[in-house]
Amino acid sequence: MPELPEVETIKETLKLFVCNKTIKHVDIKWPNMIKYPDDVEEFKALVTGQTVRSMGRKGKFLLFYLDEYVLISHLRMEGKYSVHSPGDPVKKHTHVTFYFSNGEELRYNDVRKFGTMHVYPIGEEFLHKPLNQLGPDPFDTSFNLDYFYEKLKRTDRYVKTALLDQSIVTGLGNIYVDETLFRANIHPLKRCSKLTKQEVKKLQINAKETLQDAIKAGGTTIRSYVNTQGDMGMFQQDLFVYGQDSKPCRVCGEDIIKMKVGGRGTHLCPTCQPNKQGVR
């Protein structure tokens, strides 16, 4: 699933191709992707004639700011946007196409059909699902140490599980949680209630730095992620632990191991991230 750096990269790329372009009409091949309004014809009517004025992001969600409305798009596992000229071959699994008045097309392709789209009036986008269920973005000023510490201290969950909780902090997924925990030298099975304020500060700082580094590299390509221009993210070359199981740690030389935490594959260095609680 594209995480915050990948979605940020897509947002910045889409800006170059869709801003100030007017939607002439919309073709929807898979209506189940349209979550609000749940009537496909109403969805089409709301966005038709609207001009894309700017692009935004909240966690892993793309926000298309139109004249009067906000289109909220979640790519889920395999969703991809691409801009095309008329007559370009249409790939299989292209489920939604926005036709612009200049003849260009914005196509949404999704092999698994898990992606979602919502449309709300500007100003209401954070009052309803899905955005009203999200915690602060890691780059929001509200994601401060006091907030983060209080949220984590209230739960006895494993820290890996809590960091994946989008209601605590949004945008972090499996890749960047593993990388954040490694950089902070914290074992993924540590209980949140046992974290010191200094450890939470390390998590906060390293989450931001990890995401910033990934954004600079254009995100991480693990399986099929590419940006809207077809370019792969390159942060996978800088990963310390994710996907590195059985390889030597770049810091200490110990073999990286992989385990399950809350049903999620989790990568760590047993030397750099000692399990002081002895939990397995």
Protein backbone atom coordinates (compact mmCIF):
# COMPACT_ATOMS: atom_id res chain seq x y z
CA MET A 1 0.00 0.00 0.00
CA PRO A 2 1.37 3.44 -0.85
CA GLU A 3 2.25 5.21 2.40
CA LEU A 4 2.68 8.90 3.14
CA PRO A 5 5.89 9.47 1.09
CA GLU A 6 4.45 7.72 -1.96
CA VAL A 7 1.17 9.64 -1.75
CA GLU A 8 3.07 12.91 -1.24
CA THR A 9 5.13 12.16 -4.35
CA ILE A 10 1.99 11.37 -6.36
CA LYS A 11 0.37 14.58 -5.11
CA GLU A 12 3.30 16.72 -6.18
CA THR A 13 3.48 15.02 -9.58
CA LEU A 14 -0.25 15.34 -10.21
CA LYS A 15 -0.05 19.07 -9.51
CA LEU A 16 1.94 19.46 -12.70
CA PHE A 17 -0.69 17.74 -14.83
CA VAL A 18 -4.17 18.39 -13.43
CA CYS A 19 -4.26 21.79 -11.76
CA ASN A 20 -6.31 24.43 -13.59
CA LYS A 21 -7.93 21.81 -15.80
CA THR A 22 -11.70 21.47 -15.98
CA ILE A 23 -13.52 18.14 -15.74
CA LYS A 24 -15.78 17.77 -18.77
CA HIS A 25 -17.24 14.39 -17.83
CA VAL A 26 -16.43 11.23 -15.88
CA ASP A 27 -16.60 7.56 -16.83
CA ILE A 28 -16.94 5.05 -14.00
CA LYS A 29 -16.53 1.36 -14.77
CA TRP A 30 -16.51 0.12 -11.15
CA PRO A 31 -19.21 1.95 -9.15
CA ASN A 32 -18.24 0.29 -5.85
CA MET A 33 -15.25 2.63 -5.65
CA ILE A 34 -17.55 5.61 -5.23
CA LYS A 35 -18.34 5.80 -1.52
CA TYR A 36 -19.90 9.27 -1.17
CA PRO A 37 -22.24 10.24 -2.56
CA ASP A 38 -23.12 6.58 -3.08
CA ASP A 39 -25.13 7.43 -6.18
CA VAL A 40 -22.70 7.36 -9.10
CA GLU A 41 -24.69 9.81 -11.20
CA GLU A 42 -24.74 12.30 -8.33
CA PHE A 43 -20.97 11.87 -7.93
CA LYS A 44 -20.50 12.63 -11.63
CA ALA A 45 -22.79 15.65 -11.46
CA LEU A 46 -20.86 17.16 -8.53
CA VAL A 47 -17.45 17.04 -10.20
CA THR A 48 -18.48 17.73 -13.82
CA GLY A 49 -17.72 21.31 -14.79
CA GLN A 50 -15.42 21.76 -11.81
CA THR A 51 -11.81 22.88 -12.24
CA VAL A 52 -8.98 21.29 -10.24
CA ARG A 53 -7.55 24.22 -8.29
CA SER A 54 -4.98 22.50 -6.06
CA MET A 55 -3.85 19.18 -4.64
CA GLY A 56 -3.62 18.21 -0.98
CA ARG A 57 -2.87 15.19 1.18
CA LYS A 58 -3.98 13.89 4.57
CA GLY A 59 -2.04 10.82 5.66
CA LYS A 60 -2.43 8.35 2.79
CA PHE A 61 -5.35 10.20 1.18
CA LEU A 62 -5.08 12.38 -1.93
CA LEU A 63 -7.24 15.51 -1.96
CA PHE A 64 -8.29 17.10 -5.25
CA TYR A 65 -9.52 20.62 -4.44
CA LEU A 66 -12.06 21.68 -7.06
CA ASP A 67 -13.99 24.94 -7.34
CA GLU A 68 -16.62 23.95 -4.77
CA TYR A 69 -15.81 20.39 -3.77
CA VAL A 70 -13.01 18.15 -2.54
CA LEU A 71 -12.45 14.76 -4.13
CA ILE A 72 -10.87 12.43 -1.55
CA SER A 73 -9.06 9.46 -3.05
CA HIS A 74 -7.47 6.49 -1.29
CA LEU A 75 -5.23 4.32 -3.47
CA ARG A 76 -5.34 1.31 -1.14
CA MET A 77 -3.08 -1.53 -2.30
CA GLU A 78 -2.59 -1.03 -6.02
CA GLY A 79 -4.27 2.22 -7.09
CA LYS A 80 -2.49 4.40 -9.65
CA TYR A 81 -3.25 7.66 -11.45
CA SER A 82 -1.92 8.54 -14.89
CA VAL A 83 -2.55 11.37 -17.34
CA HIS A 84 -3.12 10.54 -21.01
CA SER A 85 -3.75 12.09 -24.39
CA PRO A 86 -6.89 11.10 -26.32
CA GLY A 87 -6.42 7.81 -28.12
CA ASP A 88 -3.80 6.42 -25.74
CA PRO A 89 -4.45 2.69 -25.17
CA VAL A 90 -6.56 2.10 -22.08
CA LYS A 91 -4.97 -0.39 -19.71
CA LYS A 92 -6.93 -3.22 -18.17
CA HIS A 93 -8.22 -2.37 -14.67
CA THR A 94 -8.81 1.30 -15.53
CA HIS A 95 -11.97 1.89 -13.53
CA VAL A 96 -12.43 5.67 -13.41
CA THR A 97 -11.55 8.23 -16.08
CA PHE A 98 -11.83 12.01 -15.70
CA TYR A 99 -12.03 13.71 -19.10
CA PHE A 100 -10.71 17.27 -19.11
CA SER A 101 -11.98 20.01 -21.40
CA ASN A 102 -8.56 20.26 -23.10
CA GLY A 103 -8.88 16.64 -24.26
CA GLU A 104 -6.53 15.08 -21.72
CA GLU A 105 -7.65 12.24 -19.45
CA LEU A 106 -6.85 11.40 -15.83
CA ARG A 107 -7.20 7.65 -15.44
CA TYR A 108 -7.44 5.67 -12.22
CA ASN A 109 -6.20 2.09 -12.49
CA ASP A 110 -6.61 -0.42 -9.67
CA VAL A 111 -5.96 -4.13 -10.09
CA ARG A 112 -7.60 -5.08 -6.80
CA LYS A 113 -10.45 -2.56 -6.99
CA PHE A 114 -9.91 -1.56 -3.34
CA GLY A 115 -9.52 2.18 -3.97
CA THR A 116 -12.16 4.62 -2.73
CA MET A 117 -13.45 8.07 -3.69
CA HIS A 118 -15.53 10.54 -1.69
CA VAL A 119 -16.73 14.03 -2.66
CA TYR A 120 -17.68 16.68 -0.10
CA PRO A 121 -18.19 20.45 -0.24
CA ILE A 122 -15.01 22.38 0.59
CA GLY A 123 -14.92 22.93 4.34
CA GLU A 124 -16.73 19.69 5.14
CA GLU A 125 -14.03 17.23 4.10
CA PHE A 126 -12.73 16.77 7.66
CA LEU A 127 -16.18 16.43 9.22
CA HIS A 128 -17.05 13.07 7.66
CA LYS A 129 -15.58 9.66 6.97
CA PRO A 130 -12.87 8.89 6.11
CA LEU A 131 -10.86 11.98 7.14
CA ASN A 132 -12.62 12.58 10.45
CA GLN A 133 -11.28 9.26 11.72
CA LEU A 134 -7.64 10.17 11.23
CA GLY A 135 -5.12 11.42 13.74
CA PRO A 136 -2.71 14.24 12.91
CA ASP A 137 -0.33 14.02 9.98
CA PRO A 138 3.29 13.57 11.17
CA PHE A 139 4.08 17.02 9.74
CA ASP A 140 1.14 18.76 11.44
CA THR A 141 1.95 21.11 14.31
CA SER A 142 -0.62 19.18 16.37
CA PHE A 143 1.66 16.12 16.20
CA ASN A 144 3.71 17.36 19.13
CA LEU A 145 5.45 15.44 21.89
CA ASP A 146 2.78 15.98 24.54
CA TYR A 147 0.02 14.75 22.23
CA PHE A 148 2.02 11.71 21.07
CA TYR A 149 3.14 10.74 24.57
CA GLU A 150 -0.38 10.94 26.01
CA LYS A 151 -1.82 8.86 23.16
CA LEU A 152 0.78 6.11 23.51
CA LYS A 153 0.76 6.00 27.30
CA ARG A 154 -2.98 5.28 27.28
CA THR A 155 -2.58 1.94 25.54
CA ASP A 156 -0.81 -1.29 26.45
CA ARG A 157 -0.54 -2.37 22.82
CA TYR A 158 2.77 -3.18 21.20
CA VAL A 159 4.38 -0.01 19.88
CA LYS A 160 4.45 -1.46 16.35
CA THR A 161 0.68 -1.96 16.44
CA ALA A 162 0.00 1.49 17.87
CA LEU A 163 2.11 3.27 15.26
CA LEU A 164 0.04 1.62 12.54
CA ASP A 165 -3.15 3.01 14.11
CA GLN A 166 -4.21 5.84 11.78
CA SER A 167 -6.29 7.44 14.54
CA ILE A 168 -3.09 8.12 16.53
CA VAL A 169 -0.91 9.35 13.67
CA THR A 170 -1.85 9.07 10.02
CA GLY A 171 0.33 8.17 7.07
CA LEU A 172 2.63 5.62 8.68
CA GLY A 173 2.41 2.09 7.28
CA ASN A 174 4.37 -1.11 7.66
CA ILE A 175 7.52 0.05 5.86
CA TYR A 176 8.03 3.33 7.67
CA VAL A 177 7.00 2.04 11.09
CA ASP A 178 9.72 -0.63 10.90
CA GLU A 179 12.25 1.97 9.76
CA THR A 180 11.20 4.44 12.47
CA LEU A 181 11.50 1.84 15.22
CA PHE A 182 14.97 0.86 14.01
CA ARG A 183 16.19 4.45 13.92
CA ALA A 184 14.78 5.00 17.41
CA ASN A 185 16.40 1.75 18.70
CA ILE A 186 13.05 0.51 20.00
CA HIS A 187 11.86 -3.10 19.77
CA PRO A 188 8.46 -3.43 18.03
CA LEU A 189 7.12 -5.59 20.88
CA LYS A 190 7.69 -2.95 23.55
CA ARG A 191 4.44 -2.03 25.27
CA CYS A 192 3.37 1.56 24.74
CA SER A 193 2.60 1.98 28.42
CA LYS A 194 6.27 1.24 29.17
CA LEU A 195 7.66 3.88 26.81
CA THR A 196 9.50 6.77 28.43
CA LYS A 197 8.89 10.31 27.25
CA GLN A 198 12.41 10.34 25.81
CA GLU A 199 11.64 7.21 23.79
CA VAL A 200 8.44 8.76 22.47
CA LYS A 201 10.44 11.85 21.49
CA LYS A 202 12.84 9.62 19.56
CA LEU A 203 9.89 8.00 17.79
CA GLN A 204 8.40 11.38 16.91
CA ILE A 205 11.69 12.76 15.57
CA ASN A 206 12.64 9.61 13.65
CA ALA A 207 9.19 9.18 12.13
CA LYS A 208 9.44 12.67 10.62
CA GLU A 209 13.03 12.21 9.48
CA THR A 210 12.32 8.80 7.95
CA LEU A 211 9.34 10.18 6.03
CA GLN A 212 11.28 13.26 4.90
CA ASP A 213 14.11 11.09 3.60
CA ALA A 214 11.64 8.87 1.77
CA ILE A 215 9.87 11.85 0.20
CA LYS A 216 13.21 13.17 -1.09
CA ALA A 217 13.82 9.77 -2.71
CA GLY A 218 10.36 9.71 -4.29
CA GLY A 219 9.02 6.97 -1.99
CA THR A 220 9.77 3.27 -1.80
CA THR A 221 9.16 0.75 -4.57
CA ILE A 222 8.69 -2.67 -2.98
CA ARG A 223 6.28 -4.28 -5.42
CA SER A 224 4.40 -2.16 -7.89
CA TYR A 225 4.52 1.46 -6.71
CA VAL A 226 5.34 4.04 -9.38
CA ASN A 227 4.43 7.71 -9.48
CA THR A 228 2.09 9.20 -12.05
CA GLN A 229 4.94 9.51 -14.55
CA GLY A 230 5.84 5.84 -14.24
CA ASP A 231 8.96 6.46 -12.13
CA MET A 232 9.85 4.14 -9.28
CA GLY A 233 10.57 5.43 -5.78
CA MET A 234 14.19 4.87 -4.78
CA PHE A 235 14.05 4.87 -0.96
CA GLN A 236 14.27 1.06 -0.96
CA GLN A 237 18.01 1.56 -1.47
CA ASP A 238 18.17 3.27 1.93
CA LEU A 239 16.04 0.88 3.99
CA PHE A 240 17.72 -0.32 7.17
CA VAL A 241 15.41 -3.21 8.08
CA TYR A 242 12.25 -3.50 5.97
CA GLY A 243 12.69 -6.30 3.46
CA GLN A 244 16.26 -6.86 4.64
CA ASP A 245 15.70 -10.08 6.62
CA SER A 246 18.79 -12.32 6.81
CA LYS A 247 20.99 -9.46 5.57
CA PRO A 248 23.57 -7.86 7.90
CA CYS A 249 22.51 -4.72 9.71
CA ARG A 250 24.16 -1.67 8.18
CA VAL A 251 24.93 -0.35 11.67
CA CYS A 252 26.13 -3.37 13.69
CA GLY A 253 26.42 -6.28 11.25
CA GLU A 254 23.89 -8.51 13.04
CA ASP A 255 21.46 -10.33 10.74
CA ILE A 256 18.10 -8.58 10.35
CA ILE A 257 15.23 -10.82 11.42
CA LYS A 258 11.57 -10.94 10.46
CA MET A 259 8.72 -11.73 12.81
CA LYS A 260 4.96 -11.24 13.08
CA VAL A 261 3.50 -8.46 15.21
CA GLY A 262 -0.26 -8.14 15.17
CA GLY A 263 -0.34 -10.23 12.01
CA ARG A 264 2.02 -7.89 10.17
CA GLY A 265 5.46 -8.85 8.89
CA THR A 266 7.94 -6.93 11.02
CA HIS A 267 11.66 -6.42 10.44
CA LEU A 268 14.22 -5.52 13.10
CA CYS A 269 17.81 -5.78 14.22
CA PRO A 270 18.01 -7.76 17.49
CA THR A 271 21.17 -5.89 18.52
CA CYS A 272 20.15 -2.32 17.66
CA GLN A 273 16.61 -2.93 18.95
CA PRO A 274 17.07 -5.09 22.05
CA ASN A 275 13.98 -6.78 23.47
CA LYS A 276 14.44 -5.67 27.06
CA GLN A 277 11.04 -7.03 28.07
CA GLY A 278 11.85 -10.51 26.83
CA VAL A 279 8.55 -10.72 24.94
CA ARG A 280 8.28 -13.03 21.96
